[in-house]
Amino acid sequence: MKNLLKSKYLAFLFRLILGCVFVYASFDKIAHPADFARIVYNYHFLPSLAINLFAVILPWLELMAGMALILGLFVESAALLIGFLLGIFIVALSSAVIRGLDISCGCFSTASSSEKVVWDTIIRDLIMLMLVVQVYYGYGGFASLEKLVSRKK
């Protein structure tokens, strides 16, 4: 088990998977911030004053952290940020499921007919959180721009 946690090859694969997922997840939210704000509002999780700011900032954080993982720049920081975001998502999704809210997840699309909030969504995020842990502990600079840049100095 310890070998899997420290595997640079697994970390590289998971970096790419998580990076692509978060970059993809950001696109529709960036393109339609008002629709995403409506989805965030439906969770009844944030104060009304924070919803628009959250709806504008979150997708850009997803995009930047995802790109950092893909490129291999600031990997530990990007993994921590994605882990933090996943933690927030898991709490918000769990709260919505427990309260019986029939709402759109807003995970990958701002369309009202998109994926609904269900336990499967929470399980998916928990699995991604496990990938983040492996990336954080297994990253050793393998196949990263960070290592390439540091070699040239």
N, C-alpha and C. Protein backbone atom coordinates (compact mmCIF):
# COMPACT_ATOMS: atom_id res chain seq x y z
N MET A 1 0.83 -1.20 0.00
CA MET A 1 0.00 0.00 0.00
C MET A 1 0.87 1.26 0.00
N LYS A 2 1.94 1.22 0.79
CA LYS A 2 2.83 2.38 0.86
C LYS A 2 3.48 2.66 -0.50
N ASN A 3 3.79 1.59 -1.25
CA ASN A 3 4.39 1.76 -2.57
C ASN A 3 3.44 2.46 -3.53
N LEU A 4 2.14 2.13 -3.45
CA LEU A 4 1.15 2.79 -4.31
C LEU A 4 1.03 4.27 -3.98
N LEU A 5 1.09 4.58 -2.69
CA LEU A 5 0.96 5.97 -2.26
C LEU A 5 2.14 6.81 -2.74
N LYS A 6 3.30 6.20 -2.89
CA LYS A 6 4.50 6.92 -3.30
C LYS A 6 4.85 6.74 -4.78
N SER A 7 4.00 6.08 -5.56
CA SER A 7 4.29 5.80 -6.96
C SER A 7 4.22 7.07 -7.81
N LYS A 8 5.35 7.44 -8.41
CA LYS A 8 5.37 8.63 -9.26
C LYS A 8 4.59 8.41 -10.55
N TYR A 9 4.53 7.17 -11.01
CA TYR A 9 3.79 6.87 -12.24
C TYR A 9 2.29 6.98 -12.01
N LEU A 10 1.84 6.47 -10.88
CA LEU A 10 0.44 6.59 -10.52
C LEU A 10 0.07 8.06 -10.27
N ALA A 11 0.98 8.77 -9.62
CA ALA A 11 0.75 10.20 -9.37
C ALA A 11 0.62 10.96 -10.69
N PHE A 12 1.45 10.61 -11.66
CA PHE A 12 1.38 11.25 -12.97
C PHE A 12 0.04 10.97 -13.64
N LEU A 13 -0.39 9.71 -13.64
CA LEU A 13 -1.68 9.34 -14.22
C LEU A 13 -2.82 10.07 -13.53
N PHE A 14 -2.83 10.06 -12.21
CA PHE A 14 -3.90 10.72 -11.45
C PHE A 14 -3.86 12.23 -11.63
N ARG A 15 -2.64 12.80 -11.77
CA ARG A 15 -2.50 14.23 -12.05
C ARG A 15 -3.23 14.59 -13.33
N LEU A 16 -3.01 13.78 -14.37
CA LEU A 16 -3.65 14.04 -15.66
C LEU A 16 -5.16 13.87 -15.57
N ILE A 17 -5.61 12.82 -14.91
CA ILE A 17 -7.06 12.57 -14.77
C ILE A 17 -7.71 13.72 -14.03
N LEU A 18 -7.19 14.05 -12.85
CA LEU A 18 -7.79 15.13 -12.05
C LEU A 18 -7.70 16.46 -12.78
N GLY A 19 -6.56 16.73 -13.39
CA GLY A 19 -6.41 17.98 -14.12
C GLY A 19 -7.44 18.12 -15.23
N CYS A 20 -7.61 17.07 -16.02
CA CYS A 20 -8.59 17.10 -17.11
C CYS A 20 -10.01 17.25 -16.59
N VAL A 21 -10.33 16.54 -15.51
CA VAL A 21 -11.68 16.63 -14.92
C VAL A 21 -11.96 18.06 -14.47
N PHE A 22 -11.01 18.68 -13.78
CA PHE A 22 -11.26 20.02 -13.25
C PHE A 22 -11.23 21.09 -14.34
N VAL A 23 -10.39 20.93 -15.34
CA VAL A 23 -10.40 21.87 -16.46
C VAL A 23 -11.74 21.77 -17.19
N TYR A 24 -12.17 20.55 -17.49
CA TYR A 24 -13.45 20.35 -18.17
C TYR A 24 -14.61 20.90 -17.33
N ALA A 25 -14.56 20.67 -16.03
CA ALA A 25 -15.64 21.13 -15.14
C ALA A 25 -15.74 22.65 -15.12
N SER A 26 -14.65 23.33 -15.38
CA SER A 26 -14.65 24.80 -15.31
C SER A 26 -15.28 25.47 -16.53
N PHE A 27 -15.22 24.84 -17.69
CA PHE A 27 -15.60 25.50 -18.94
C PHE A 27 -17.01 26.07 -18.94
N ASP A 28 -18.00 25.26 -18.66
CA ASP A 28 -19.39 25.71 -18.74
C ASP A 28 -19.70 26.74 -17.65
N LYS A 29 -19.06 26.60 -16.50
CA LYS A 29 -19.28 27.55 -15.40
C LYS A 29 -18.69 28.91 -15.75
N ILE A 30 -17.53 28.91 -16.40
CA ILE A 30 -16.91 30.17 -16.82
C ILE A 30 -17.76 30.83 -17.90
N ALA A 31 -18.28 30.03 -18.82
CA ALA A 31 -19.09 30.56 -19.92
C ALA A 31 -20.46 31.07 -19.47
N HIS A 32 -20.99 30.50 -18.38
CA HIS A 32 -22.35 30.85 -17.92
C HIS A 32 -22.37 31.12 -16.42
N PRO A 33 -21.72 32.19 -15.96
CA PRO A 33 -21.64 32.43 -14.52
C PRO A 33 -23.00 32.67 -13.85
N ALA A 34 -23.92 33.31 -14.55
CA ALA A 34 -25.25 33.56 -13.96
C ALA A 34 -26.00 32.25 -13.73
N ASP A 35 -25.91 31.35 -14.69
CA ASP A 35 -26.56 30.04 -14.53
C ASP A 35 -25.91 29.25 -13.39
N PHE A 36 -24.58 29.34 -13.29
CA PHE A 36 -23.90 28.63 -12.21
C PHE A 36 -24.27 29.24 -10.86
N ALA A 37 -24.41 30.56 -10.80
CA ALA A 37 -24.82 31.21 -9.55
C ALA A 37 -26.20 30.72 -9.12
N ARG A 38 -27.09 30.52 -10.08
CA ARG A 38 -28.43 30.00 -9.77
C ARG A 38 -28.34 28.59 -9.18
N ILE A 39 -27.46 27.78 -9.72
CA ILE A 39 -27.27 26.42 -9.20
C ILE A 39 -26.73 26.48 -7.78
N VAL A 40 -25.74 27.34 -7.55
CA VAL A 40 -25.17 27.49 -6.20
C VAL A 40 -26.25 27.95 -5.23
N TYR A 41 -27.08 28.88 -5.66
CA TYR A 41 -28.17 29.38 -4.81
C TYR A 41 -29.11 28.24 -4.40
N ASN A 42 -29.39 27.33 -5.32
CA ASN A 42 -30.33 26.23 -5.05
C ASN A 42 -29.85 25.30 -3.94
N TYR A 43 -28.56 25.30 -3.64
CA TYR A 43 -28.04 24.47 -2.55
C TYR A 43 -28.44 25.04 -1.18
N HIS A 44 -28.74 26.34 -1.13
CA HIS A 44 -29.05 27.02 0.14
C HIS A 44 -27.95 26.74 1.16
N PHE A 45 -26.72 26.89 0.71
CA PHE A 45 -25.56 26.54 1.52
C PHE A 45 -24.72 27.78 1.86
N LEU A 46 -24.70 28.75 0.96
CA LEU A 46 -23.92 29.97 1.16
C LEU A 46 -24.83 31.16 1.44
N PRO A 47 -24.32 32.17 2.13
CA PRO A 47 -25.10 33.40 2.28
C PRO A 47 -25.32 34.03 0.90
N SER A 48 -26.45 34.65 0.72
CA SER A 48 -26.81 35.23 -0.59
C SER A 48 -25.74 36.18 -1.11
N LEU A 49 -25.13 36.94 -0.22
CA LEU A 49 -24.11 37.90 -0.65
C LEU A 49 -22.87 37.23 -1.25
N ALA A 50 -22.60 36.00 -0.88
CA ALA A 50 -21.39 35.30 -1.33
C ALA A 50 -21.59 34.51 -2.62
N ILE A 51 -22.82 34.30 -3.02
CA ILE A 51 -23.10 33.39 -4.14
C ILE A 51 -22.47 33.86 -5.45
N ASN A 52 -22.68 35.11 -5.83
CA ASN A 52 -22.15 35.58 -7.12
C ASN A 52 -20.63 35.55 -7.14
N LEU A 53 -20.01 35.98 -6.05
CA LEU A 53 -18.55 35.96 -5.97
C LEU A 53 -18.03 34.52 -6.08
N PHE A 54 -18.66 33.61 -5.35
CA PHE A 54 -18.28 32.20 -5.40
C PHE A 54 -18.44 31.65 -6.81
N ALA A 55 -19.56 31.98 -7.47
CA ALA A 55 -19.85 31.46 -8.81
C ALA A 55 -18.87 31.98 -9.86
N VAL A 56 -18.30 33.14 -9.62
CA VAL A 56 -17.32 33.69 -10.55
C VAL A 56 -15.92 33.15 -10.27
N ILE A 57 -15.55 33.04 -9.00
CA ILE A 57 -14.19 32.65 -8.64
C ILE A 57 -13.95 31.14 -8.76
N LEU A 58 -14.90 30.33 -8.31
CA LEU A 58 -14.71 28.87 -8.27
C LEU A 58 -14.26 28.27 -9.61
N PRO A 59 -14.94 28.57 -10.72
CA PRO A 59 -14.52 27.94 -11.99
C PRO A 59 -13.09 28.30 -12.40
N TRP A 60 -12.66 29.52 -12.08
CA TRP A 60 -11.29 29.91 -12.42
C TRP A 60 -10.28 29.19 -11.54
N LEU A 61 -10.65 28.94 -10.28
CA LEU A 61 -9.78 28.13 -9.41
C LEU A 61 -9.68 26.71 -9.95
N GLU A 62 -10.82 26.16 -10.39
CA GLU A 62 -10.81 24.82 -10.98
C GLU A 62 -9.92 24.77 -12.22
N LEU A 63 -10.04 25.77 -13.07
CA LEU A 63 -9.25 25.82 -14.30
C LEU A 63 -7.76 25.93 -13.99
N MET A 64 -7.39 26.85 -13.11
CA MET A 64 -5.97 27.05 -12.80
C MET A 64 -5.37 25.83 -12.10
N ALA A 65 -6.08 25.27 -11.14
CA ALA A 65 -5.55 24.09 -10.43
C ALA A 65 -5.46 22.90 -11.38
N GLY A 66 -6.46 22.73 -12.24
CA GLY A 66 -6.43 21.64 -13.21
C GLY A 66 -5.28 21.78 -14.18
N MET A 67 -5.06 22.98 -14.69
CA MET A 67 -3.94 23.21 -15.62
C MET A 67 -2.60 22.99 -14.92
N ALA A 68 -2.50 23.41 -13.66
CA ALA A 68 -1.26 23.21 -12.91
C ALA A 68 -0.96 21.72 -12.78
N LEU A 69 -1.98 20.91 -12.52
CA LEU A 69 -1.76 19.47 -12.42
C LEU A 69 -1.34 18.88 -13.76
N ILE A 70 -2.00 19.28 -14.82
CA ILE A 70 -1.68 18.74 -16.15
C ILE A 70 -0.25 19.10 -16.54
N LEU A 71 0.13 20.34 -16.32
CA LEU A 71 1.46 20.81 -16.73
C LEU A 71 2.56 20.41 -15.75
N GLY A 72 2.17 20.08 -14.54
CA GLY A 72 3.17 19.74 -13.53
C GLY A 72 3.83 20.97 -12.94
N LEU A 73 3.03 21.98 -12.67
CA LEU A 73 3.50 23.21 -12.03
C LEU A 73 2.79 23.39 -10.70
N PHE A 74 3.55 23.65 -9.64
CA PHE A 74 2.96 23.84 -8.31
C PHE A 74 2.01 22.70 -7.96
N VAL A 75 2.45 21.48 -8.22
CA VAL A 75 1.58 20.30 -8.10
C VAL A 75 1.04 20.12 -6.69
N GLU A 76 1.92 20.24 -5.68
CA GLU A 76 1.44 20.04 -4.31
C GLU A 76 0.38 21.08 -3.96
N SER A 77 0.61 22.33 -4.33
CA SER A 77 -0.36 23.40 -4.05
C SER A 77 -1.67 23.16 -4.80
N ALA A 78 -1.57 22.77 -6.05
CA ALA A 78 -2.77 22.49 -6.85
C ALA A 78 -3.54 21.32 -6.26
N ALA A 79 -2.82 20.29 -5.82
CA ALA A 79 -3.48 19.13 -5.21
C ALA A 79 -4.18 19.53 -3.91
N LEU A 80 -3.53 20.37 -3.10
CA LEU A 80 -4.18 20.84 -1.87
C LEU A 80 -5.43 21.65 -2.18
N LEU A 81 -5.36 22.52 -3.18
CA LEU A 81 -6.52 23.32 -3.56
C LEU A 81 -7.65 22.42 -4.04
N ILE A 82 -7.34 21.48 -4.89
CA ILE A 82 -8.38 20.57 -5.40
C ILE A 82 -8.94 19.71 -4.27
N GLY A 83 -8.09 19.28 -3.36
CA GLY A 83 -8.57 18.53 -2.20
C GLY A 83 -9.51 19.36 -1.35
N PHE A 84 -9.17 20.63 -1.14
CA PHE A 84 -10.02 21.55 -0.39
C PHE A 84 -11.36 21.75 -1.10
N LEU A 85 -11.31 21.97 -2.41
CA LEU A 85 -12.55 22.14 -3.19
C LEU A 85 -13.41 20.89 -3.12
N LEU A 86 -12.79 19.73 -3.27
CA LEU A 86 -13.55 18.48 -3.18
C LEU A 86 -14.19 18.33 -1.81
N GLY A 87 -13.48 18.73 -0.77
CA GLY A 87 -14.05 18.69 0.58
C GLY A 87 -15.30 19.56 0.68
N ILE A 88 -15.22 20.77 0.13
CA ILE A 88 -16.39 21.66 0.11
C ILE A 88 -17.52 21.03 -0.69
N PHE A 89 -17.19 20.48 -1.86
CA PHE A 89 -18.22 19.85 -2.70
C PHE A 89 -18.90 18.70 -1.96
N ILE A 90 -18.11 17.86 -1.28
CA ILE A 90 -18.66 16.70 -0.57
C ILE A 90 -19.61 17.15 0.53
N VAL A 91 -19.23 18.18 1.28
CA VAL A 91 -20.10 18.70 2.35
C VAL A 91 -21.38 19.27 1.75
N ALA A 92 -21.27 20.08 0.70
CA ALA A 92 -22.45 20.70 0.08
C ALA A 92 -23.37 19.64 -0.54
N LEU A 93 -22.79 18.69 -1.25
CA LEU A 93 -23.59 17.62 -1.86
C LEU A 93 -24.27 16.77 -0.80
N SER A 94 -23.54 16.42 0.25
CA SER A 94 -24.12 15.60 1.33
C SER A 94 -25.27 16.34 1.99
N SER A 95 -25.08 17.62 2.23
CA SER A 95 -26.13 18.44 2.83
C SER A 95 -27.38 18.45 1.95
N ALA A 96 -27.18 18.58 0.64
CA ALA A 96 -28.32 18.61 -0.29
C ALA A 96 -29.05 17.27 -0.32
N VAL A 97 -28.29 16.17 -0.33
CA VAL A 97 -28.91 14.84 -0.35
C VAL A 97 -29.67 14.59 0.94
N ILE A 98 -29.05 14.91 2.07
CA ILE A 98 -29.69 14.68 3.37
C ILE A 98 -30.96 15.51 3.51
N ARG A 99 -30.95 16.73 2.98
CA ARG A 99 -32.14 17.59 3.05
C ARG A 99 -33.16 17.26 1.97
N GLY A 100 -32.84 16.31 1.09
CA GLY A 100 -33.78 15.87 0.07
C GLY A 100 -33.99 16.87 -1.06
N LEU A 101 -33.00 17.72 -1.32
CA LEU A 101 -33.13 18.70 -2.39
C LEU A 101 -33.03 18.00 -3.75
N ASP A 102 -33.95 18.31 -4.63
CA ASP A 102 -33.93 17.76 -5.99
C ASP A 102 -33.38 18.85 -6.90
N ILE A 103 -32.05 18.95 -6.93
CA ILE A 103 -31.40 20.04 -7.66
C ILE A 103 -30.31 19.50 -8.58
N SER A 104 -29.95 20.34 -9.53
CA SER A 104 -28.85 20.01 -10.44
C SER A 104 -27.54 20.15 -9.69
N CYS A 105 -26.64 19.24 -9.95
CA CYS A 105 -25.33 19.23 -9.28
C CYS A 105 -24.51 20.47 -9.64
N GLY A 106 -24.48 20.83 -10.91
CA GLY A 106 -23.64 21.94 -11.34
C GLY A 106 -22.18 21.55 -11.44
N CYS A 107 -21.92 20.27 -11.39
CA CYS A 107 -20.53 19.78 -11.39
C CYS A 107 -19.84 20.02 -12.73
N PHE A 108 -20.52 19.69 -13.82
CA PHE A 108 -19.91 19.79 -15.14
C PHE A 108 -20.72 20.62 -16.12
N SER A 109 -21.94 20.96 -15.76
CA SER A 109 -22.81 21.71 -16.66
C SER A 109 -23.73 22.62 -15.86
N THR A 110 -24.05 23.76 -16.45
CA THR A 110 -24.98 24.67 -15.80
C THR A 110 -26.41 24.47 -16.29
N ALA A 111 -26.62 23.51 -17.18
CA ALA A 111 -27.97 23.22 -17.69
C ALA A 111 -28.82 22.66 -16.55
N SER A 112 -30.07 23.09 -16.49
CA SER A 112 -30.95 22.64 -15.41
C SER A 112 -31.24 21.15 -15.50
N SER A 113 -31.07 20.58 -16.68
CA SER A 113 -31.33 19.15 -16.86
C SER A 113 -30.08 18.31 -16.62
N SER A 114 -29.01 18.94 -16.16
CA SER A 114 -27.75 18.20 -15.96
C SER A 114 -27.85 17.29 -14.74
N GLU A 115 -26.77 16.61 -14.47
CA GLU A 115 -26.67 15.62 -13.39
C GLU A 115 -27.29 16.12 -12.09
N LYS A 116 -28.13 15.29 -11.49
CA LYS A 116 -28.77 15.63 -10.22
C LYS A 116 -27.86 15.23 -9.07
N VAL A 117 -28.09 15.86 -7.92
CA VAL A 117 -27.33 15.55 -6.72
C VAL A 117 -27.83 14.24 -6.13
N VAL A 118 -26.96 13.23 -6.11
CA VAL A 118 -27.29 11.91 -5.55
C VAL A 118 -26.04 11.39 -4.82
N TRP A 119 -26.21 10.30 -4.08
CA TRP A 119 -25.08 9.72 -3.35
C TRP A 119 -23.94 9.33 -4.29
N ASP A 120 -24.25 8.91 -5.51
CA ASP A 120 -23.20 8.54 -6.47
C ASP A 120 -22.24 9.70 -6.74
N THR A 121 -22.78 10.90 -6.75
CA THR A 121 -21.96 12.09 -6.97
C THR A 121 -20.97 12.27 -5.82
N ILE A 122 -21.45 12.03 -4.62
CA ILE A 122 -20.60 12.14 -3.44
C ILE A 122 -19.51 11.08 -3.47
N ILE A 123 -19.88 9.87 -3.83
CA ILE A 123 -18.90 8.78 -3.93
C ILE A 123 -17.83 9.11 -4.98
N ARG A 124 -18.26 9.66 -6.11
CA ARG A 124 -17.29 10.06 -7.16
C ARG A 124 -16.30 11.09 -6.60
N ASP A 125 -16.81 12.06 -5.85
CA ASP A 125 -15.92 13.07 -5.28
C ASP A 125 -14.99 12.48 -4.22
N LEU A 126 -15.48 11.52 -3.45
CA LEU A 126 -14.62 10.85 -2.47
C LEU A 126 -13.49 10.08 -3.16
N ILE A 127 -13.81 9.44 -4.28
CA ILE A 127 -12.79 8.73 -5.05
C ILE A 127 -11.76 9.72 -5.59
N MET A 128 -12.24 10.86 -6.11
CA MET A 128 -11.29 11.87 -6.60
C MET A 128 -10.43 12.41 -5.46
N LEU A 129 -11.00 12.51 -4.27
CA LEU A 129 -10.22 12.95 -3.11
C LEU A 129 -9.10 11.96 -2.79
N MET A 130 -9.38 10.68 -2.96
CA MET A 130 -8.33 9.67 -2.76
C MET A 130 -7.22 9.82 -3.82
N LEU A 131 -7.60 10.16 -5.04
CA LEU A 131 -6.60 10.40 -6.09
C LEU A 131 -5.72 11.59 -5.72
N VAL A 132 -6.35 12.62 -5.16
CA VAL A 132 -5.61 13.81 -4.75
C VAL A 132 -4.55 13.45 -3.70
N VAL A 133 -4.93 12.62 -2.74
CA VAL A 133 -3.99 12.21 -1.69
C VAL A 133 -2.78 11.51 -2.32
N GLN A 134 -3.04 10.63 -3.28
CA GLN A 134 -1.95 9.92 -3.94
C GLN A 134 -1.06 10.89 -4.72
N VAL A 135 -1.67 11.84 -5.42
CA VAL A 135 -0.89 12.83 -6.18
C VAL A 135 -0.01 13.63 -5.22
N TYR A 136 -0.58 14.05 -4.11
CA TYR A 136 0.17 14.86 -3.15
C TYR A 136 1.38 14.10 -2.60
N TYR A 137 1.18 12.86 -2.22
CA TYR A 137 2.27 12.09 -1.61
C TYR A 137 3.16 11.39 -2.63
N GLY A 138 2.64 11.11 -3.82
CA GLY A 138 3.42 10.38 -4.81
C GLY A 138 4.18 11.25 -5.78
N TYR A 139 3.86 12.54 -5.81
CA TYR A 139 4.49 13.44 -6.76
C TYR A 139 5.97 13.61 -6.42
N GLY A 140 6.78 13.39 -7.40
CA GLY A 140 8.22 13.58 -7.21
C GLY A 140 8.82 14.40 -8.33
N GLY A 141 8.00 15.14 -9.02
CA GLY A 141 8.48 15.94 -10.12
C GLY A 141 8.51 15.19 -11.44
N PHE A 142 8.01 13.96 -11.44
CA PHE A 142 8.03 13.13 -12.65
C PHE A 142 7.17 13.76 -13.74
N ALA A 143 7.73 13.90 -14.94
CA ALA A 143 7.03 14.42 -16.12
C ALA A 143 6.34 15.75 -15.82
N SER A 144 7.12 16.68 -15.28
CA SER A 144 6.53 17.98 -14.94
C SER A 144 7.38 19.12 -15.48
N LEU A 145 6.72 20.22 -15.77
CA LEU A 145 7.44 21.42 -16.19
C LEU A 145 8.26 21.97 -15.03
N GLU A 146 7.76 21.77 -13.83
CA GLU A 146 8.45 22.24 -12.64
C GLU A 146 9.88 21.68 -12.57
N LYS A 147 10.00 20.41 -12.79
CA LYS A 147 11.31 19.75 -12.74
C LYS A 147 12.18 20.19 -13.92
N LEU A 148 11.57 20.33 -15.09
CA LEU A 148 12.30 20.76 -16.28
C LEU A 148 12.88 22.16 -16.08
N VAL A 149 12.09 23.05 -15.53
CA VAL A 149 12.53 24.42 -15.30
C VAL A 149 13.63 24.46 -14.24
N SER A 150 13.49 23.66 -13.19
CA SER A 150 14.50 23.67 -12.12
C SER A 150 15.84 23.09 -12.58
N ARG A 151 15.83 22.22 -13.56
CA ARG A 151 17.07 21.64 -14.11
C ARG A 151 17.87 22.67 -14.89
N LYS A 152 17.18 23.63 -15.52
CA LYS A 152 17.85 24.60 -16.38
C LYS A 152 18.52 25.71 -15.58
N LYS A 153 18.24 25.80 -14.30
CA LYS A 153 18.84 26.87 -13.48
C LYS A 153 20.24 26.55 -13.08
